[in-house]
PDB file of all heavy atoms in Angstrom:
ATOM      1  N   GLN A   1     203.166 183.341 170.347  1.00  0.00           N
ATOM      2  CA  GLN A   1     203.111 182.357 171.421  1.00  0.00           C
ATOM      3  C   GLN A   1     201.777 181.625 171.432  1.00  0.00           C
ATOM      4  O   GLN A   1     200.728 182.202 171.137  1.00  0.00           O
ATOM      5  CB  GLN A   1     203.343 183.034 172.779  1.00  0.00           C
ATOM      6  CG  GLN A   1     204.652 183.796 172.857  1.00  0.00           C
ATOM      7  CD  GLN A   1     205.847 182.965 172.448  1.00  0.00           C
ATOM      8  OE1 GLN A   1     206.060 181.872 172.978  1.00  0.00           O
ATOM      9  NE2 GLN A   1     206.622 183.482 171.504  1.00  0.00           N
ATOM     10  N   PRO A   2     201.799 180.319 171.754  1.00  0.00           N
ATOM     11  CA  PRO A   2     200.544 179.547 171.806  1.00  0.00           C
ATOM     12  C   PRO A   2     199.755 179.859 173.077  1.00  0.00           C
ATOM     13  O   PRO A   2     200.056 179.343 174.153  1.00  0.00           O
ATOM     14  CB  PRO A   2     201.043 178.091 171.796  1.00  0.00           C
ATOM     15  CG  PRO A   2     202.416 178.158 172.402  1.00  0.00           C
ATOM     16  CD  PRO A   2     202.986 179.484 172.004  1.00  0.00           C
ATOM     17  N   MET A   3     198.765 180.709 172.972  1.00  0.00           N
ATOM     18  CA  MET A   3     197.916 181.051 174.111  1.00  0.00           C
ATOM     19  C   MET A   3     196.551 181.486 173.602  1.00  0.00           C
ATOM     20  O   MET A   3     196.370 181.756 172.401  1.00  0.00           O
ATOM     21  CB  MET A   3     198.555 182.159 174.966  1.00  0.00           C
ATOM     22  CG  MET A   3     198.845 183.438 174.216  1.00  0.00           C
ATOM     23  SD  MET A   3     199.591 184.730 175.263  1.00  0.00           S
ATOM     24  CE  MET A   3     201.192 184.049 175.580  1.00  0.00           C
ATOM     25  N   ARG A   4     195.599 181.529 174.498  1.00  0.00           N
ATOM     26  CA  ARG A   4     194.258 181.962 174.109  1.00  0.00           C
ATOM     27  C   ARG A   4     194.282 183.409 173.627  1.00  0.00           C
ATOM     28  O   ARG A   4     195.044 184.226 174.146  1.00  0.00           O
ATOM     29  CB  ARG A   4     193.296 181.831 175.286  1.00  0.00           C
ATOM     30  CG  ARG A   4     192.958 180.390 175.620  1.00  0.00           C
ATOM     31  CD  ARG A   4     191.756 180.289 176.545  1.00  0.00           C
ATOM     32  NE  ARG A   4     192.045 180.828 177.855  1.00  0.00           N
ATOM     33  CZ  ARG A   4     191.440 181.896 178.375  1.00  0.00           C
ATOM     34  NH1 ARG A   4     190.551 182.552 177.683  1.00  0.00           N
ATOM     35  NH2 ARG A   4     191.736 182.304 179.590  1.00  0.00           N
ATOM     36  N   PRO A   5     193.463 183.738 172.620  1.00  0.00           N
ATOM     37  CA  PRO A   5     193.462 185.116 172.101  1.00  0.00           C
ATOM     38  C   PRO A   5     193.236 186.161 173.179  1.00  0.00           C
ATOM     39  O   PRO A   5     193.844 187.231 173.150  1.00  0.00           O
ATOM     40  CB  PRO A   5     192.322 185.101 171.071  1.00  0.00           C
ATOM     41  CG  PRO A   5     192.219 183.679 170.631  1.00  0.00           C
ATOM     42  CD  PRO A   5     192.566 182.863 171.842  1.00  0.00           C
ATOM     43  N   ALA A   6     192.349 185.868 174.148  1.00  0.00           N
ATOM     44  CA  ALA A   6     192.076 186.855 175.196  1.00  0.00           C
ATOM     45  C   ALA A   6     193.309 187.088 176.069  1.00  0.00           C
ATOM     46  O   ALA A   6     193.651 188.225 176.392  1.00  0.00           O
ATOM     47  CB  ALA A   6     190.906 186.385 176.056  1.00  0.00           C
ATOM     48  N   ILE A   7     193.989 186.000 176.448  1.00  0.00           N
ATOM     49  CA  ILE A   7     195.204 186.138 177.247  1.00  0.00           C
ATOM     50  C   ILE A   7     196.290 186.846 176.440  1.00  0.00           C
ATOM     51  O   ILE A   7     197.061 187.650 176.973  1.00  0.00           O
ATOM     52  CB  ILE A   7     195.692 184.758 177.720  1.00  0.00           C
ATOM     53  CG1 ILE A   7     194.616 184.099 178.619  1.00  0.00           C
ATOM     54  CG2 ILE A   7     196.994 184.876 178.481  1.00  0.00           C
ATOM     55  CD1 ILE A   7     194.319 184.865 179.874  1.00  0.00           C
ATOM     56  N   ARG A   8     196.335 186.562 175.147  1.00  0.00           N
ATOM     57  CA  ARG A   8     197.323 187.225 174.295  1.00  0.00           C
ATOM     58  C   ARG A   8     197.092 188.727 174.279  1.00  0.00           C
ATOM     59  O   ARG A   8     198.039 189.518 174.391  1.00  0.00           O
ATOM     60  CB  ARG A   8     197.264 186.647 172.889  1.00  0.00           C
ATOM     61  CG  ARG A   8     198.341 187.215 171.951  1.00  0.00           C
ATOM     62  CD  ARG A   8     198.238 186.640 170.553  1.00  0.00           C
ATOM     63  NE  ARG A   8     198.523 185.221 170.536  1.00  0.00           N
ATOM     64  CZ  ARG A   8     197.631 184.270 170.271  1.00  0.00           C
ATOM     65  NH1 ARG A   8     196.374 184.617 169.987  1.00  0.00           N
ATOM     66  NH2 ARG A   8     197.968 183.007 170.266  1.00  0.00           N
ATOM     67  N   GLN A   9     195.836 189.146 174.122  1.00  0.00           N
ATOM     68  CA  GLN A   9     195.523 190.578 174.117  1.00  0.00           C
ATOM     69  C   GLN A   9     195.866 191.222 175.460  1.00  0.00           C
ATOM     70  O   GLN A   9     196.398 192.338 175.515  1.00  0.00           O
ATOM     71  CB  GLN A   9     194.034 190.782 173.800  1.00  0.00           C
ATOM     72  CG  GLN A   9     193.638 190.432 172.378  1.00  0.00           C
ATOM     73  CD  GLN A   9     194.277 191.350 171.365  1.00  0.00           C
ATOM     74  OE1 GLN A   9     194.429 192.550 171.595  1.00  0.00           O
ATOM     75  NE2 GLN A   9     194.664 190.802 170.226  1.00  0.00           N
ATOM     76  N   LEU A  10     195.581 190.517 176.547  1.00  0.00           N
ATOM     77  CA  LEU A  10     195.897 191.046 177.876  1.00  0.00           C
ATOM     78  C   LEU A  10     197.406 191.181 178.059  1.00  0.00           C
ATOM     79  O   LEU A  10     197.885 192.179 178.610  1.00  0.00           O
ATOM     80  CB  LEU A  10     195.307 190.133 178.948  1.00  0.00           C
ATOM     81  CG  LEU A  10     195.569 190.544 180.405  1.00  0.00           C
ATOM     82  CD1 LEU A  10     194.971 191.909 180.687  1.00  0.00           C
ATOM     83  CD2 LEU A  10     195.010 189.499 181.363  1.00  0.00           C
ATOM     84  N   ALA A  11     198.159 190.190 177.584  1.00  0.00           N
ATOM     85  CA  ALA A  11     199.615 190.253 177.702  1.00  0.00           C
ATOM     86  C   ALA A  11     200.176 191.417 176.894  1.00  0.00           C
ATOM     87  O   ALA A  11     201.096 192.118 177.341  1.00  0.00           O
ATOM     88  CB  ALA A  11     200.233 188.932 177.241  1.00  0.00           C
ATOM     89  N   ILE A  12     199.630 191.649 175.708  1.00  0.00           N
ATOM     90  CA  ILE A  12     200.104 192.758 174.867  1.00  0.00           C
ATOM     91  C   ILE A  12     199.828 194.093 175.553  1.00  0.00           C
ATOM     92  O   ILE A  12     200.690 194.981 175.611  1.00  0.00           O
ATOM     93  CB  ILE A  12     199.441 192.688 173.484  1.00  0.00           C
ATOM     94  CG1 ILE A  12     199.972 191.483 172.697  1.00  0.00           C
ATOM     95  CG2 ILE A  12     199.692 193.974 172.694  1.00  0.00           C
ATOM     96  CD1 ILE A  12     199.265 191.248 171.385  1.00  0.00           C
ATOM     97  N   LYS A  13     198.619 194.257 176.076  1.00  0.00           N
ATOM     98  CA  LYS A  13     198.271 195.514 176.745  1.00  0.00           C
ATOM     99  C   LYS A  13     199.100 195.714 178.013  1.00  0.00           C
ATOM    100  O   LYS A  13     199.525 196.839 178.309  1.00  0.00           O
ATOM    101  CB  LYS A  13     196.776 195.519 177.088  1.00  0.00           C
ATOM    102  CG  LYS A  13     195.848 195.533 175.872  1.00  0.00           C
ATOM    103  CD  LYS A  13     196.003 196.806 175.066  1.00  0.00           C
ATOM    104  CE  LYS A  13     195.047 196.851 173.892  1.00  0.00           C
ATOM    105  NZ  LYS A  13     195.260 198.048 173.049  1.00  0.00           N
ATOM    106  N   SER A  14     199.341 194.629 178.759  1.00  0.00           N
ATOM    107  CA  SER A  14     200.119 194.744 179.996  1.00  0.00           C
ATOM    108  C   SER A  14     201.561 195.131 179.694  1.00  0.00           C
ATOM    109  O   SER A  14     202.143 195.981 180.380  1.00  0.00           O
ATOM    110  CB  SER A  14     200.076 193.421 180.764  1.00  0.00           C
ATOM    111  OG  SER A  14     198.741 193.086 181.103  1.00  0.00           O
ATOM    112  N   SER A  15     202.143 194.505 178.666  1.00  0.00           N
ATOM    113  CA  SER A  15     203.518 194.848 178.310  1.00  0.00           C
ATOM    114  C   SER A  15     203.619 196.288 177.818  1.00  0.00           C
ATOM    115  O   SER A  15     204.585 196.994 178.134  1.00  0.00           O
ATOM    116  CB  SER A  15     204.045 193.890 177.245  1.00  0.00           C
ATOM    117  OG  SER A  15     203.337 194.043 176.025  1.00  0.00           O
ATOM    118  N   GLU A  16     202.616 196.727 177.066  1.00  0.00           N
ATOM    119  CA  GLU A  16     202.625 198.111 176.588  1.00  0.00           C
ATOM    120  C   GLU A  16     202.572 199.094 177.764  1.00  0.00           C
ATOM    121  O   GLU A  16     203.320 200.078 177.809  1.00  0.00           O
ATOM    122  CB  GLU A  16     201.439 198.338 175.657  1.00  0.00           C
ATOM    123  CG  GLU A  16     201.343 199.749 175.104  1.00  0.00           C
ATOM    124  CD  GLU A  16     200.149 199.935 174.191  1.00  0.00           C
ATOM    125  OE1 GLU A  16     199.371 198.971 174.030  1.00  0.00           O
ATOM    126  OE2 GLU A  16     199.994 201.033 173.637  1.00  0.00           O
ATOM    127  N   PHE A  17     201.689 198.822 178.732  1.00  0.00           N
ATOM    128  CA  PHE A  17     201.577 199.693 179.904  1.00  0.00           C
ATOM    129  C   PHE A  17     202.875 199.695 180.701  1.00  0.00           C
ATOM    130  O   PHE A  17     203.358 200.756 181.135  1.00  0.00           O
ATOM    131  CB  PHE A  17     200.410 199.219 180.780  1.00  0.00           C
ATOM    132  CG  PHE A  17     200.268 199.990 182.067  1.00  0.00           C
ATOM    133  CD1 PHE A  17     199.661 201.235 182.082  1.00  0.00           C
ATOM    134  CD2 PHE A  17     200.753 199.473 183.267  1.00  0.00           C
ATOM    135  CE1 PHE A  17     199.539 201.953 183.266  1.00  0.00           C
ATOM    136  CE2 PHE A  17     200.635 200.174 184.441  1.00  0.00           C
ATOM    137  CZ  PHE A  17     200.019 201.421 184.440  1.00  0.00           C
ATOM    138  N   ALA A  18     203.480 198.518 180.888  1.00  0.00           N
ATOM    139  CA  ALA A  18     204.714 198.432 181.675  1.00  0.00           C
ATOM    140  C   ALA A  18     205.863 199.170 180.992  1.00  0.00           C
ATOM    141  O   ALA A  18     206.635 199.882 181.643  1.00  0.00           O
ATOM    142  CB  ALA A  18     205.087 196.957 181.895  1.00  0.00           C
ATOM    143  N   ILE A  19     205.973 199.029 179.676  1.00  0.00           N
ATOM    144  CA  ILE A  19     207.073 199.671 178.935  1.00  0.00           C
ATOM    145  C   ILE A  19     206.982 201.183 179.058  1.00  0.00           C
ATOM    146  O   ILE A  19     207.973 201.870 179.371  1.00  0.00           O
ATOM    147  CB  ILE A  19     207.057 199.221 177.465  1.00  0.00           C
ATOM    148  CG1 ILE A  19     207.528 197.763 177.351  1.00  0.00           C
ATOM    149  CG2 ILE A  19     207.951 200.119 176.605  1.00  0.00           C
ATOM    150  CD1 ILE A  19     207.324 197.161 175.981  1.00  0.00           C
ATOM    151  N   PHE A  20     205.800 201.744 178.821  1.00  0.00           N
ATOM    152  CA  PHE A  20     205.675 203.197 178.849  1.00  0.00           C
ATOM    153  C   PHE A  20     205.693 203.746 180.272  1.00  0.00           C
ATOM    154  O   PHE A  20     206.102 204.889 180.495  1.00  0.00           O
ATOM    155  CB  PHE A  20     204.415 203.634 178.108  1.00  0.00           C
ATOM    156  CG  PHE A  20     204.557 203.552 176.618  1.00  0.00           C
ATOM    157  CD1 PHE A  20     203.994 202.514 175.902  1.00  0.00           C
ATOM    158  CD2 PHE A  20     205.272 204.511 175.922  1.00  0.00           C
ATOM    159  CE1 PHE A  20     204.137 202.426 174.526  1.00  0.00           C
ATOM    160  CE2 PHE A  20     205.423 204.442 174.549  1.00  0.00           C
ATOM    161  CZ  PHE A  20     204.858 203.399 173.847  1.00  0.00           C
ATOM    162  N   ALA A  21     205.264 202.939 181.253  1.00  0.00           N
ATOM    163  CA  ALA A  21     205.383 203.381 182.649  1.00  0.00           C
ATOM    164  C   ALA A  21     206.849 203.479 183.060  1.00  0.00           C
ATOM    165  O   ALA A  21     207.268 204.450 183.702  1.00  0.00           O
ATOM    166  CB  ALA A  21     204.629 202.407 183.563  1.00  0.00           C
ATOM    167  N   ILE A  22     207.639 202.498 182.669  1.00  0.00           N
ATOM    168  CA  ILE A  22     209.076 202.537 182.971  1.00  0.00           C
ATOM    169  C   ILE A  22     209.733 203.721 182.262  1.00  0.00           C
ATOM    170  O   ILE A  22     210.577 204.424 182.838  1.00  0.00           O
ATOM    171  CB  ILE A  22     209.737 201.210 182.563  1.00  0.00           C
ATOM    172  CG1 ILE A  22     209.229 200.070 183.461  1.00  0.00           C
ATOM    173  CG2 ILE A  22     211.251 201.311 182.642  1.00  0.00           C
ATOM    174  CD1 ILE A  22     209.670 198.702 183.025  1.00  0.00           C
ATOM    175  N   ALA A  23     209.348 203.959 181.004  1.00  0.00           N
ATOM    176  CA  ALA A  23     209.913 205.093 180.253  1.00  0.00           C
ATOM    177  C   ALA A  23     209.574 206.417 180.941  1.00  0.00           C
ATOM    178  O   ALA A  23     210.425 207.317 181.031  1.00  0.00           O
ATOM    179  CB  ALA A  23     209.387 205.081 178.817  1.00  0.00           C
ATOM    180  N   PHE A  24     208.345 206.537 181.453  1.00  0.00           N
ATOM    181  CA  PHE A  24     207.941 207.767 182.138  1.00  0.00           C
ATOM    182  C   PHE A  24     208.738 207.975 183.423  1.00  0.00           C
ATOM    183  O   PHE A  24     209.196 209.087 183.705  1.00  0.00           O
ATOM    184  CB  PHE A  24     206.443 207.703 182.439  1.00  0.00           C
ATOM    185  CG  PHE A  24     205.941 208.888 183.216  1.00  0.00           C
ATOM    186  CD1 PHE A  24     205.737 210.109 182.601  1.00  0.00           C
ATOM    187  CD2 PHE A  24     205.683 208.771 184.578  1.00  0.00           C
ATOM    188  CE1 PHE A  24     205.281 211.205 183.323  1.00  0.00           C
ATOM    189  CE2 PHE A  24     205.218 209.857 185.306  1.00  0.00           C
ATOM    190  CZ  PHE A  24     205.019 211.083 184.669  1.00  0.00           C
ATOM    191  N   LEU A  25     208.934 206.911 184.203  1.00  0.00           N
ATOM    192  CA  LEU A  25     209.696 207.026 185.452  1.00  0.00           C
ATOM    193  C   LEU A  25     211.151 207.396 185.175  1.00  0.00           C
ATOM    194  O   LEU A  25     211.737 208.223 185.884  1.00  0.00           O
ATOM    195  CB  LEU A  25     209.619 205.710 186.229  1.00  0.00           C
ATOM    196  CG  LEU A  25     208.235 205.331 186.778  1.00  0.00           C
ATOM    197  CD1 LEU A  25     208.286 203.975 187.456  1.00  0.00           C
ATOM    198  CD2 LEU A  25     207.720 206.394 187.736  1.00  0.00           C
ATOM    199  N   ILE A  26     211.737 206.788 184.141  1.00  0.00           N
ATOM    200  CA  ILE A  26     213.122 207.138 183.790  1.00  0.00           C
ATOM    201  C   ILE A  26     213.211 208.595 183.364  1.00  0.00           C
ATOM    202  O   ILE A  26     214.153 209.320 183.717  1.00  0.00           O
ATOM    203  CB  ILE A  26     213.640 206.203 182.676  1.00  0.00           C
ATOM    204  CG1 ILE A  26     213.742 204.769 183.191  1.00  0.00           C
ATOM    205  CG2 ILE A  26     214.994 206.673 182.156  1.00  0.00           C
ATOM    206  CD1 ILE A  26     214.108 203.758 182.125  1.00  0.00           C
ATOM    207  N   LEU A  27     212.219 209.060 182.608  1.00  0.00           N
ATOM    208  CA  LEU A  27     212.220 210.452 182.149  1.00  0.00           C
ATOM    209  C   LEU A  27     212.126 211.409 183.325  1.00  0.00           C
ATOM    210  O   LEU A  27     212.826 212.442 183.359  1.00  0.00           O
ATOM    211  CB  LEU A  27     211.055 210.676 181.186  1.00  0.00           C
ATOM    212  CG  LEU A  27     210.878 212.101 180.653  1.00  0.00           C
ATOM    213  CD1 LEU A  27     212.119 212.540 179.895  1.00  0.00           C
ATOM    214  CD2 LEU A  27     209.642 212.199 179.781  1.00  0.00           C
ATOM    215  N   MET A  28     211.275 211.104 184.299  1.00  0.00           N
ATOM    216  CA  MET A  28     211.170 211.964 185.470  1.00  0.00           C
ATOM    217  C   MET A  28     212.490 212.020 186.240  1.00  0.00           C
ATOM    218  O   MET A  28     212.895 213.071 186.739  1.00  0.00           O
ATOM    219  CB  MET A  28     210.053 211.448 186.401  1.00  0.00           C
ATOM    220  CG  MET A  28     208.653 211.553 185.833  1.00  0.00           C
ATOM    221  SD  MET A  28     208.151 213.255 185.493  1.00  0.00           S
ATOM    222  CE  MET A  28     208.405 213.324 183.703  1.00  0.00           C
ATOM    223  N   ASN A  29     213.175 210.884 186.303  1.00  0.00           N
ATOM    224  CA  ASN A  29     214.467 210.855 186.990  1.00  0.00           C
ATOM    225  C   ASN A  29     215.509 211.665 186.231  1.00  0.00           C
ATOM    226  O   ASN A  29     216.330 212.375 186.841  1.00  0.00           O
ATOM    227  CB  ASN A  29     214.920 209.400 187.139  1.00  0.00           C
ATOM    228  CG  ASN A  29     216.181 209.270 187.967  1.00  0.00           C
ATOM    229  OD1 ASN A  29     216.272 209.824 189.044  1.00  0.00           O
ATOM    230  ND2 ASN A  29     217.155 208.548 187.444  1.00  0.00           N
ATOM    231  N   ILE A  30     215.492 211.579 184.895  1.00  0.00           N
ATOM    232  CA  ILE A  30     216.455 212.356 184.095  1.00  0.00           C
ATOM    233  C   ILE A  30     216.211 213.849 184.255  1.00  0.00           C
ATOM    234  O   ILE A  30     217.156 214.643 184.351  1.00  0.00           O
ATOM    235  CB  ILE A  30     216.353 211.931 182.612  1.00  0.00           C
ATOM    236  CG1 ILE A  30     216.879 210.507 182.430  1.00  0.00           C
ATOM    237  CG2 ILE A  30     217.132 212.893 181.709  1.00  0.00           C
ATOM    238  CD1 ILE A  30     216.691 209.959 181.046  1.00  0.00           C
ATOM    239  N   MET A  31     214.947 214.258 184.303  1.00  0.00           N
ATOM    240  CA  MET A  31     214.625 215.676 184.435  1.00  0.00           C
ATOM    241  C   MET A  31     214.835 216.192 185.852  1.00  0.00           C
ATOM    242  O   MET A  31     214.773 217.398 186.088  1.00  0.00           O
ATOM    243  CB  MET A  31     213.174 215.927 184.006  1.00  0.00           C
ATOM    244  CG  MET A  31     212.914 215.708 182.522  1.00  0.00           C
ATOM    245  SD  MET A  31     211.213 216.087 182.049  1.00  0.00           S
ATOM    246  CE  MET A  31     211.160 217.860 182.376  1.00  0.00           C
ATOM    247  N   GLY A  32     215.054 215.292 186.800  1.00  0.00           N
ATOM    248  CA  GLY A  32     215.277 215.708 188.173  1.00  0.00           C
ATOM    249  C   GLY A  32     214.017 216.101 188.900  1.00  0.00           C
ATOM    250  O   GLY A  32     214.070 216.864 189.881  1.00  0.00           O
TER     251      GLY A  32
END
């Protein structure tokens, strides 16, 4: 995507945090 390198790095880190946070919450729900 056409964006500043700093914003690109922030977007990558934010998406990574969001993906694994959602995975953790789903896992906790599956384990009860």
